[in-house]
Protein backbone atom coordinates (compact mmCIF):
# COMPACT_ATOMS: atom_id res chain seq x y z
CA UNK A 1 0.00 0.00 0.00
CA UNK A 2 2.86 2.40 0.83
CA UNK A 3 4.34 2.02 -2.67
CA UNK A 4 0.96 2.68 -4.29
CA UNK A 5 0.41 5.85 -2.25
CA UNK A 6 3.94 7.12 -2.90
CA UNK A 7 3.43 6.40 -6.61
CA UNK A 8 0.20 8.43 -6.54
CA UNK A 9 1.98 11.37 -4.89
CA UNK A 10 4.80 11.11 -7.43
CA UNK A 11 2.24 10.99 -10.26
CA UNK A 12 0.67 14.19 -8.96
CA UNK A 13 4.09 15.86 -8.78
CA UNK A 14 4.87 14.61 -12.29
CA UNK A 15 1.61 16.06 -13.63
CA UNK A 16 2.43 19.36 -11.90
CA UNK A 17 5.87 19.38 -13.53
CA UNK A 18 4.34 18.56 -16.91
CA UNK A 19 1.83 21.40 -16.49
CA UNK A 20 4.63 23.81 -15.60
CA UNK A 21 6.68 22.69 -18.59
CA UNK A 22 3.62 23.17 -20.79
CA UNK A 23 3.28 26.76 -19.56
CA UNK A 24 6.91 27.35 -20.55
CA UNK A 25 6.39 25.82 -24.01
CA UNK A 26 3.26 27.93 -24.60
CA UNK A 27 4.99 31.12 -23.49
CA UNK A 28 8.01 30.44 -25.69
CA UNK A 29 5.76 29.61 -28.66
CA UNK A 30 3.93 32.85 -28.05
CA UNK A 31 7.21 34.82 -28.11
CA UNK A 32 8.29 33.18 -31.37
CA UNK A 33 4.90 33.70 -32.98
CA UNK A 34 4.89 37.40 -32.02
CA UNK A 35 8.18 37.80 -33.89
CA UNK A 36 6.45 36.28 -36.91
CA UNK A 37 3.49 38.69 -36.48
CA UNK A 38 1.24 35.80 -35.52
CA UNK A 39 -0.75 34.99 -32.44
CA UNK A 40 -1.15 31.73 -30.53
CA UNK A 41 -4.91 31.43 -29.94
CA UNK A 42 -5.99 31.01 -26.29
CA UNK A 43 -2.41 31.03 -25.00
CA UNK A 44 -3.34 33.14 -21.98
CA UNK A 45 -6.37 30.99 -21.15
CA UNK A 46 -4.47 27.73 -21.47
CA UNK A 47 -1.58 29.09 -19.40
CA UNK A 48 -4.03 30.08 -16.66
CA UNK A 49 -5.62 26.62 -16.68
CA UNK A 50 -2.19 25.00 -16.52
CA UNK A 51 -1.23 27.27 -13.62
CA UNK A 52 -4.20 25.96 -11.64
CA UNK A 53 -3.34 22.38 -12.63
CA UNK A 54 0.28 22.89 -11.52
CA UNK A 55 -0.87 24.14 -8.13
CA UNK A 56 -3.44 21.42 -7.44
CA UNK A 57 -1.39 18.48 -8.74
CA UNK A 58 1.61 19.51 -6.60
CA UNK A 59 -0.33 19.75 -3.31
CA UNK A 60 -0.02 16.15 -2.09
CA UNK A 61 3.69 15.73 -2.85
CA UNK A 62 4.45 19.12 -1.33
CA UNK A 63 2.47 18.22 1.80
CA UNK A 64 4.23 14.86 2.19
CA UNK A 65 7.64 16.56 1.91
CA UNK A 66 6.69 19.02 4.63
CA UNK A 67 6.96 21.99 2.30
CA UNK A 68 3.46 23.42 2.63
CA UNK A 69 3.09 26.42 4.89
CA UNK A 70 2.60 25.11 8.40
CA UNK A 71 2.61 26.87 11.74
CA UNK A 72 4.19 24.52 14.24
CA UNK A 73 5.12 27.00 16.97
CA UNK A 74 2.25 25.89 19.22
CA UNK A 75 2.44 22.16 18.51
CA UNK A 76 6.22 22.05 18.94
CA UNK A 77 5.91 23.25 22.55
CA UNK A 78 3.56 20.43 23.56
CA UNK A 79 4.52 17.18 25.24
CA UNK A 80 4.75 14.16 22.91
CA UNK A 81 1.27 12.99 23.92
CA UNK A 82 -0.22 16.45 23.57
CA UNK A 83 1.53 16.92 20.24
CA UNK A 84 0.10 13.63 18.96
CA UNK A 85 -3.44 14.68 19.92
CA UNK A 86 -2.94 18.13 18.38
CA UNK A 87 -1.58 16.59 15.15
CA UNK A 88 -4.57 14.25 14.98
CA UNK A 89 -7.00 17.12 15.51
CA UNK A 90 -5.32 19.32 12.91
CA UNK A 91 -5.12 16.47 10.40
CA UNK A 92 -8.80 15.62 11.00
CA UNK A 93 -9.74 19.26 10.43
CA UNK A 94 -7.57 19.42 7.29
CA UNK A 95 -9.20 16.21 6.01
CA UNK A 96 -12.67 17.72 6.53
CA UNK A 97 -11.69 20.90 4.70
CA UNK A 98 -10.13 18.99 1.80
CA UNK A 99 -13.11 16.63 1.58
CA UNK A 100 -15.32 19.72 1.26
CA UNK A 101 -13.03 21.28 -1.38
CA UNK A 102 -12.82 18.00 -3.30
CA UNK A 103 -16.58 17.52 -3.27
CA UNK A 104 -17.37 21.05 -4.45
CA UNK A 105 -14.66 21.25 -7.11
CA UNK A 106 -15.90 17.89 -8.42
CA UNK A 107 -19.49 19.16 -8.44
CA UNK A 108 -18.38 22.29 -10.32
CA UNK A 109 -16.46 20.23 -12.87
CA UNK A 110 -19.40 17.87 -13.32
CA UNK A 111 -21.81 20.78 -13.76
CA UNK A 112 -19.54 22.25 -16.45
CA UNK A 113 -19.57 18.90 -18.21
CA UNK A 114 -23.36 18.52 -17.95
CA UNK A 115 -24.14 21.96 -19.38
CA UNK A 116 -21.32 21.70 -21.93
CA UNK A 117 -19.74 24.92 -20.68
CA UNK A 118 -16.97 26.27 -22.90
CA UNK A 119 -14.40 29.05 -22.50
CA UNK A 120 -15.39 32.43 -23.87
CA UNK A 121 -11.97 33.08 -25.40
CA UNK A 122 -10.82 32.61 -28.99
CA UNK A 123 -10.85 28.83 -28.59
CA UNK A 124 -13.97 27.16 -27.19
CA UNK A 125 -12.29 24.86 -24.67
CA UNK A 126 -14.71 22.62 -22.74
CA UNK A 127 -14.21 23.94 -19.21
CA UNK A 128 -14.69 20.60 -17.49
CA UNK A 129 -11.27 19.58 -18.84
CA UNK A 130 -9.17 22.22 -17.03
CA UNK A 131 -11.51 22.06 -14.01
CA UNK A 132 -10.77 18.35 -13.63
CA UNK A 133 -7.34 19.17 -12.16
CA UNK A 134 -8.94 20.75 -9.08
CA UNK A 135 -10.87 17.75 -7.69
CA UNK A 136 -8.08 15.36 -8.70
CA UNK A 137 -5.40 17.42 -6.94
CA UNK A 138 -7.60 18.17 -3.93
CA UNK A 139 -8.58 14.51 -3.68
CA UNK A 140 -4.95 13.48 -3.81
CA UNK A 141 -4.15 15.92 -1.01
CA UNK A 142 -7.07 14.46 0.96
CA UNK A 143 -5.56 10.99 0.54
CA UNK A 144 -2.15 12.31 1.70
CA UNK A 145 -3.73 13.92 4.77
CA UNK A 146 -5.58 10.70 5.65
CA UNK A 147 -2.32 8.80 5.10
CA UNK A 148 -0.60 11.05 7.66
CA UNK A 149 -3.59 10.76 10.02
CA UNK A 150 -3.21 6.97 10.03
CA UNK A 151 0.56 7.33 10.54
CA UNK A 152 0.04 9.55 13.61
CA UNK A 153 -2.79 7.31 14.85
CA UNK A 154 -0.31 4.40 14.81
CA UNK A 155 2.04 6.41 17.01
CA UNK A 156 4.64 7.40 14.41
CA UNK A 157 5.81 10.87 13.49
CA UNK A 158 4.06 12.41 10.49
CA UNK A 159 6.08 12.26 7.29
CA UNK A 160 6.09 16.03 6.92
CA UNK A 161 7.71 16.38 10.37
CA UNK A 162 10.31 13.71 9.55
CA UNK A 163 11.09 15.43 6.23
CA UNK A 164 11.48 18.83 7.93
CA UNK A 165 13.74 17.31 10.61
CA UNK A 166 15.90 15.63 7.95
CA UNK A 167 16.28 18.92 6.06
CA UNK A 168 17.18 20.75 9.30
CA UNK A 169 19.74 18.05 10.21
CA UNK A 170 21.33 18.50 6.77
CA UNK A 171 21.50 22.25 7.31
CA UNK A 172 18.82 22.99 4.70
CA UNK A 173 16.45 25.64 6.04
CA UNK A 174 15.16 26.73 2.63
CA UNK A 175 11.63 25.46 3.30
CA UNK A 176 11.53 27.31 6.61
CA UNK A 177 11.99 30.77 5.09
C-alpha atoms as a PDB file:
ATOM      1  CA  UNK A   1       0.000   0.000   0.000  1.00  0.00           C
ATOM      2  CA  UNK A   2       2.862   2.396   0.826  1.00  0.00           C
ATOM      3  CA  UNK A   3       4.342   2.016  -2.669  1.00  0.00           C
ATOM      4  CA  UNK A   4       0.963   2.677  -4.286  1.00  0.00           C
ATOM      5  CA  UNK A   5       0.409   5.848  -2.245  1.00  0.00           C
ATOM      6  CA  UNK A   6       3.937   7.115  -2.898  1.00  0.00           C
ATOM      7  CA  UNK A   7       3.431   6.395  -6.610  1.00  0.00           C
ATOM      8  CA  UNK A   8       0.199   8.434  -6.545  1.00  0.00           C
ATOM      9  CA  UNK A   9       1.977  11.374  -4.888  1.00  0.00           C
ATOM     10  CA  UNK A  10       4.801  11.105  -7.431  1.00  0.00           C
ATOM     11  CA  UNK A  11       2.245  10.986 -10.262  1.00  0.00           C
ATOM     12  CA  UNK A  12       0.665  14.192  -8.960  1.00  0.00           C
ATOM     13  CA  UNK A  13       4.092  15.859  -8.779  1.00  0.00           C
ATOM     14  CA  UNK A  14       4.871  14.611 -12.291  1.00  0.00           C
ATOM     15  CA  UNK A  15       1.615  16.060 -13.626  1.00  0.00           C
ATOM     16  CA  UNK A  16       2.429  19.355 -11.901  1.00  0.00           C
ATOM     17  CA  UNK A  17       5.865  19.379 -13.528  1.00  0.00           C
ATOM     18  CA  UNK A  18       4.340  18.565 -16.915  1.00  0.00           C
ATOM     19  CA  UNK A  19       1.829  21.405 -16.489  1.00  0.00           C
ATOM     20  CA  UNK A  20       4.625  23.806 -15.595  1.00  0.00           C
ATOM     21  CA  UNK A  21       6.678  22.685 -18.586  1.00  0.00           C
ATOM     22  CA  UNK A  22       3.619  23.171 -20.791  1.00  0.00           C
ATOM     23  CA  UNK A  23       3.279  26.761 -19.565  1.00  0.00           C
ATOM     24  CA  UNK A  24       6.911  27.346 -20.547  1.00  0.00           C
ATOM     25  CA  UNK A  25       6.388  25.822 -24.010  1.00  0.00           C
ATOM     26  CA  UNK A  26       3.259  27.927 -24.602  1.00  0.00           C
ATOM     27  CA  UNK A  27       4.986  31.118 -23.486  1.00  0.00           C
ATOM     28  CA  UNK A  28       8.011  30.439 -25.686  1.00  0.00           C
ATOM     29  CA  UNK A  29       5.757  29.614 -28.657  1.00  0.00           C
ATOM     30  CA  UNK A  30       3.928  32.853 -28.047  1.00  0.00           C
ATOM     31  CA  UNK A  31       7.209  34.817 -28.106  1.00  0.00           C
ATOM     32  CA  UNK A  32       8.291  33.177 -31.369  1.00  0.00           C
ATOM     33  CA  UNK A  33       4.896  33.703 -32.982  1.00  0.00           C
ATOM     34  CA  UNK A  34       4.894  37.398 -32.022  1.00  0.00           C
ATOM     35  CA  UNK A  35       8.180  37.796 -33.886  1.00  0.00           C
ATOM     36  CA  UNK A  36       6.446  36.280 -36.908  1.00  0.00           C
ATOM     37  CA  UNK A  37       3.490  38.687 -36.475  1.00  0.00           C
ATOM     38  CA  UNK A  38       1.243  35.798 -35.520  1.00  0.00           C
ATOM     39  CA  UNK A  39      -0.754  34.986 -32.440  1.00  0.00           C
ATOM     40  CA  UNK A  40      -1.146  31.734 -30.531  1.00  0.00           C
ATOM     41  CA  UNK A  41      -4.906  31.434 -29.938  1.00  0.00           C
ATOM     42  CA  UNK A  42      -5.994  31.013 -26.290  1.00  0.00           C
ATOM     43  CA  UNK A  43      -2.413  31.030 -24.996  1.00  0.00           C
ATOM     44  CA  UNK A  44      -3.336  33.139 -21.976  1.00  0.00           C
ATOM     45  CA  UNK A  45      -6.372  30.986 -21.154  1.00  0.00           C
ATOM     46  CA  UNK A  46      -4.465  27.728 -21.473  1.00  0.00           C
ATOM     47  CA  UNK A  47      -1.577  29.095 -19.401  1.00  0.00           C
ATOM     48  CA  UNK A  48      -4.031  30.081 -16.657  1.00  0.00           C
ATOM     49  CA  UNK A  49      -5.623  26.618 -16.682  1.00  0.00           C
ATOM     50  CA  UNK A  50      -2.191  25.002 -16.517  1.00  0.00           C
ATOM     51  CA  UNK A  51      -1.229  27.274 -13.621  1.00  0.00           C
ATOM     52  CA  UNK A  52      -4.205  25.962 -11.641  1.00  0.00           C
ATOM     53  CA  UNK A  53      -3.335  22.377 -12.626  1.00  0.00           C
ATOM     54  CA  UNK A  54       0.282  22.892 -11.521  1.00  0.00           C
ATOM     55  CA  UNK A  55      -0.875  24.140  -8.128  1.00  0.00           C
ATOM     56  CA  UNK A  56      -3.441  21.424  -7.437  1.00  0.00           C
ATOM     57  CA  UNK A  57      -1.394  18.482  -8.737  1.00  0.00           C
ATOM     58  CA  UNK A  58       1.610  19.506  -6.598  1.00  0.00           C
ATOM     59  CA  UNK A  59      -0.326  19.748  -3.313  1.00  0.00           C
ATOM     60  CA  UNK A  60      -0.016  16.150  -2.089  1.00  0.00           C
ATOM     61  CA  UNK A  61       3.692  15.727  -2.846  1.00  0.00           C
ATOM     62  CA  UNK A  62       4.447  19.124  -1.328  1.00  0.00           C
ATOM     63  CA  UNK A  63       2.471  18.219   1.801  1.00  0.00           C
ATOM     64  CA  UNK A  64       4.226  14.862   2.186  1.00  0.00           C
ATOM     65  CA  UNK A  65       7.637  16.558   1.905  1.00  0.00           C
ATOM     66  CA  UNK A  66       6.691  19.016   4.627  1.00  0.00           C
ATOM     67  CA  UNK A  67       6.963  21.993   2.301  1.00  0.00           C
ATOM     68  CA  UNK A  68       3.459  23.417   2.627  1.00  0.00           C
ATOM     69  CA  UNK A  69       3.095  26.416   4.888  1.00  0.00           C
ATOM     70  CA  UNK A  70       2.599  25.109   8.398  1.00  0.00           C
ATOM     71  CA  UNK A  71       2.612  26.867  11.737  1.00  0.00           C
ATOM     72  CA  UNK A  72       4.192  24.522  14.240  1.00  0.00           C
ATOM     73  CA  UNK A  73       5.117  26.996  16.970  1.00  0.00           C
ATOM     74  CA  UNK A  74       2.249  25.893  19.221  1.00  0.00           C
ATOM     75  CA  UNK A  75       2.441  22.161  18.514  1.00  0.00           C
ATOM     76  CA  UNK A  76       6.224  22.049  18.939  1.00  0.00           C
ATOM     77  CA  UNK A  77       5.912  23.252  22.548  1.00  0.00           C
ATOM     78  CA  UNK A  78       3.558  20.433  23.558  1.00  0.00           C
ATOM     79  CA  UNK A  79       4.524  17.179  25.240  1.00  0.00           C
ATOM     80  CA  UNK A  80       4.749  14.156  22.915  1.00  0.00           C
ATOM     81  CA  UNK A  81       1.266  12.989  23.923  1.00  0.00           C
ATOM     82  CA  UNK A  82      -0.219  16.452  23.565  1.00  0.00           C
ATOM     83  CA  UNK A  83       1.525  16.917  20.245  1.00  0.00           C
ATOM     84  CA  UNK A  84       0.103  13.634  18.964  1.00  0.00           C
ATOM     85  CA  UNK A  85      -3.435  14.684  19.919  1.00  0.00           C
ATOM     86  CA  UNK A  86      -2.938  18.127  18.377  1.00  0.00           C
ATOM     87  CA  UNK A  87      -1.576  16.588  15.152  1.00  0.00           C
ATOM     88  CA  UNK A  88      -4.572  14.248  14.976  1.00  0.00           C
ATOM     89  CA  UNK A  89      -7.002  17.124  15.509  1.00  0.00           C
ATOM     90  CA  UNK A  90      -5.318  19.317  12.915  1.00  0.00           C
ATOM     91  CA  UNK A  91      -5.122  16.466  10.401  1.00  0.00           C
ATOM     92  CA  UNK A  92      -8.803  15.621  11.001  1.00  0.00           C
ATOM     93  CA  UNK A  93      -9.743  19.260  10.431  1.00  0.00           C
ATOM     94  CA  UNK A  94      -7.567  19.417   7.290  1.00  0.00           C
ATOM     95  CA  UNK A  95      -9.203  16.212   6.015  1.00  0.00           C
ATOM     96  CA  UNK A  96     -12.668  17.717   6.530  1.00  0.00           C
ATOM     97  CA  UNK A  97     -11.690  20.901   4.697  1.00  0.00           C
ATOM     98  CA  UNK A  98     -10.129  18.992   1.800  1.00  0.00           C
ATOM     99  CA  UNK A  99     -13.114  16.629   1.579  1.00  0.00           C
ATOM    100  CA  UNK A 100     -15.315  19.721   1.255  1.00  0.00           C
ATOM    101  CA  UNK A 101     -13.032  21.276  -1.377  1.00  0.00           C
ATOM    102  CA  UNK A 102     -12.818  17.999  -3.305  1.00  0.00           C
ATOM    103  CA  UNK A 103     -16.582  17.524  -3.269  1.00  0.00           C
ATOM    104  CA  UNK A 104     -17.371  21.053  -4.454  1.00  0.00           C
ATOM    105  CA  UNK A 105     -14.664  21.248  -7.107  1.00  0.00           C
ATOM    106  CA  UNK A 106     -15.895  17.889  -8.420  1.00  0.00           C
ATOM    107  CA  UNK A 107     -19.492  19.161  -8.442  1.00  0.00           C
ATOM    108  CA  UNK A 108     -18.380  22.291 -10.324  1.00  0.00           C
ATOM    109  CA  UNK A 109     -16.460  20.233 -12.865  1.00  0.00           C
ATOM    110  CA  UNK A 110     -19.403  17.866 -13.323  1.00  0.00           C
ATOM    111  CA  UNK A 111     -21.812  20.782 -13.762  1.00  0.00           C
ATOM    112  CA  UNK A 112     -19.539  22.255 -16.449  1.00  0.00           C
ATOM    113  CA  UNK A 113     -19.573  18.904 -18.214  1.00  0.00           C
ATOM    114  CA  UNK A 114     -23.359  18.517 -17.945  1.00  0.00           C
ATOM    115  CA  UNK A 115     -24.141  21.962 -19.377  1.00  0.00           C
ATOM    116  CA  UNK A 116     -21.324  21.697 -21.934  1.00  0.00           C
ATOM    117  CA  UNK A 117     -19.738  24.920 -20.683  1.00  0.00           C
ATOM    118  CA  UNK A 118     -16.967  26.275 -22.900  1.00  0.00           C
ATOM    119  CA  UNK A 119     -14.396  29.049 -22.496  1.00  0.00           C
ATOM    120  CA  UNK A 120     -15.393  32.428 -23.865  1.00  0.00           C
ATOM    121  CA  UNK A 121     -11.974  33.077 -25.405  1.00  0.00           C
ATOM    122  CA  UNK A 122     -10.819  32.612 -28.985  1.00  0.00           C
ATOM    123  CA  UNK A 123     -10.854  28.827 -28.587  1.00  0.00           C
ATOM    124  CA  UNK A 124     -13.974  27.159 -27.195  1.00  0.00           C
ATOM    125  CA  UNK A 125     -12.288  24.864 -24.669  1.00  0.00           C
ATOM    126  CA  UNK A 126     -14.713  22.624 -22.738  1.00  0.00           C
ATOM    127  CA  UNK A 127     -14.209  23.942 -19.205  1.00  0.00           C
ATOM    128  CA  UNK A 128     -14.686  20.604 -17.487  1.00  0.00           C
ATOM    129  CA  UNK A 129     -11.274  19.577 -18.844  1.00  0.00           C
ATOM    130  CA  UNK A 130      -9.173  22.215 -17.027  1.00  0.00           C
ATOM    131  CA  UNK A 131     -11.512  22.063 -14.008  1.00  0.00           C
ATOM    132  CA  UNK A 132     -10.773  18.351 -13.632  1.00  0.00           C
ATOM    133  CA  UNK A 133      -7.342  19.170 -12.157  1.00  0.00           C
ATOM    134  CA  UNK A 134      -8.940  20.753  -9.084  1.00  0.00           C
ATOM    135  CA  UNK A 135     -10.873  17.749  -7.692  1.00  0.00           C
ATOM    136  CA  UNK A 136      -8.079  15.364  -8.695  1.00  0.00           C
ATOM    137  CA  UNK A 137      -5.405  17.421  -6.944  1.00  0.00           C
ATOM    138  CA  UNK A 138      -7.602  18.170  -3.928  1.00  0.00           C
ATOM    139  CA  UNK A 139      -8.581  14.506  -3.680  1.00  0.00           C
ATOM    140  CA  UNK A 140      -4.947  13.476  -3.813  1.00  0.00           C
ATOM    141  CA  UNK A 141      -4.145  15.920  -1.007  1.00  0.00           C
ATOM    142  CA  UNK A 142      -7.069  14.461   0.964  1.00  0.00           C
ATOM    143  CA  UNK A 143      -5.557  10.987   0.541  1.00  0.00           C
ATOM    144  CA  UNK A 144      -2.155  12.314   1.704  1.00  0.00           C
ATOM    145  CA  UNK A 145      -3.734  13.922   4.774  1.00  0.00           C
ATOM    146  CA  UNK A 146      -5.577  10.703   5.651  1.00  0.00           C
ATOM    147  CA  UNK A 147      -2.315   8.798   5.098  1.00  0.00           C
ATOM    148  CA  UNK A 148      -0.596  11.049   7.661  1.00  0.00           C
ATOM    149  CA  UNK A 149      -3.585  10.764  10.018  1.00  0.00           C
ATOM    150  CA  UNK A 150      -3.212   6.966  10.033  1.00  0.00           C
ATOM    151  CA  UNK A 151       0.556   7.330  10.538  1.00  0.00           C
ATOM    152  CA  UNK A 152       0.037   9.554  13.608  1.00  0.00           C
ATOM    153  CA  UNK A 153      -2.785   7.310  14.854  1.00  0.00           C
ATOM    154  CA  UNK A 154      -0.312   4.396  14.805  1.00  0.00           C
ATOM    155  CA  UNK A 155       2.040   6.406  17.013  1.00  0.00           C
ATOM    156  CA  UNK A 156       4.639   7.398  14.410  1.00  0.00           C
ATOM    157  CA  UNK A 157       5.813  10.875  13.495  1.00  0.00           C
ATOM    158  CA  UNK A 158       4.061  12.411  10.487  1.00  0.00           C
ATOM    159  CA  UNK A 159       6.083  12.259   7.293  1.00  0.00           C
ATOM    160  CA  UNK A 160       6.089  16.027   6.921  1.00  0.00           C
ATOM    161  CA  UNK A 161       7.711  16.378  10.369  1.00  0.00           C
ATOM    162  CA  UNK A 162      10.312  13.712   9.546  1.00  0.00           C
ATOM    163  CA  UNK A 163      11.090  15.426   6.226  1.00  0.00           C
ATOM    164  CA  UNK A 164      11.478  18.830   7.934  1.00  0.00           C
ATOM    165  CA  UNK A 165      13.738  17.311  10.610  1.00  0.00           C
ATOM    166  CA  UNK A 166      15.896  15.632   7.951  1.00  0.00           C
ATOM    167  CA  UNK A 167      16.275  18.924   6.063  1.00  0.00           C
ATOM    168  CA  UNK A 168      17.177  20.752   9.296  1.00  0.00           C
ATOM    169  CA  UNK A 169      19.737  18.050  10.215  1.00  0.00           C
ATOM    170  CA  UNK A 170      21.326  18.503   6.768  1.00  0.00           C
ATOM    171  CA  UNK A 171      21.495  22.255   7.310  1.00  0.00           C
ATOM    172  CA  UNK A 172      18.816  22.993   4.703  1.00  0.00           C
ATOM    173  CA  UNK A 173      16.451  25.636   6.044  1.00  0.00           C
ATOM    174  CA  UNK A 174      15.160  26.730   2.629  1.00  0.00           C
ATOM    175  CA  UNK A 175      11.632  25.464   3.296  1.00  0.00           C
ATOM    176  CA  UNK A 176      11.533  27.306   6.614  1.00  0.00           C
ATOM    177  CA  UNK A 177      11.988  30.765   5.089  1.00  0.00           C
END
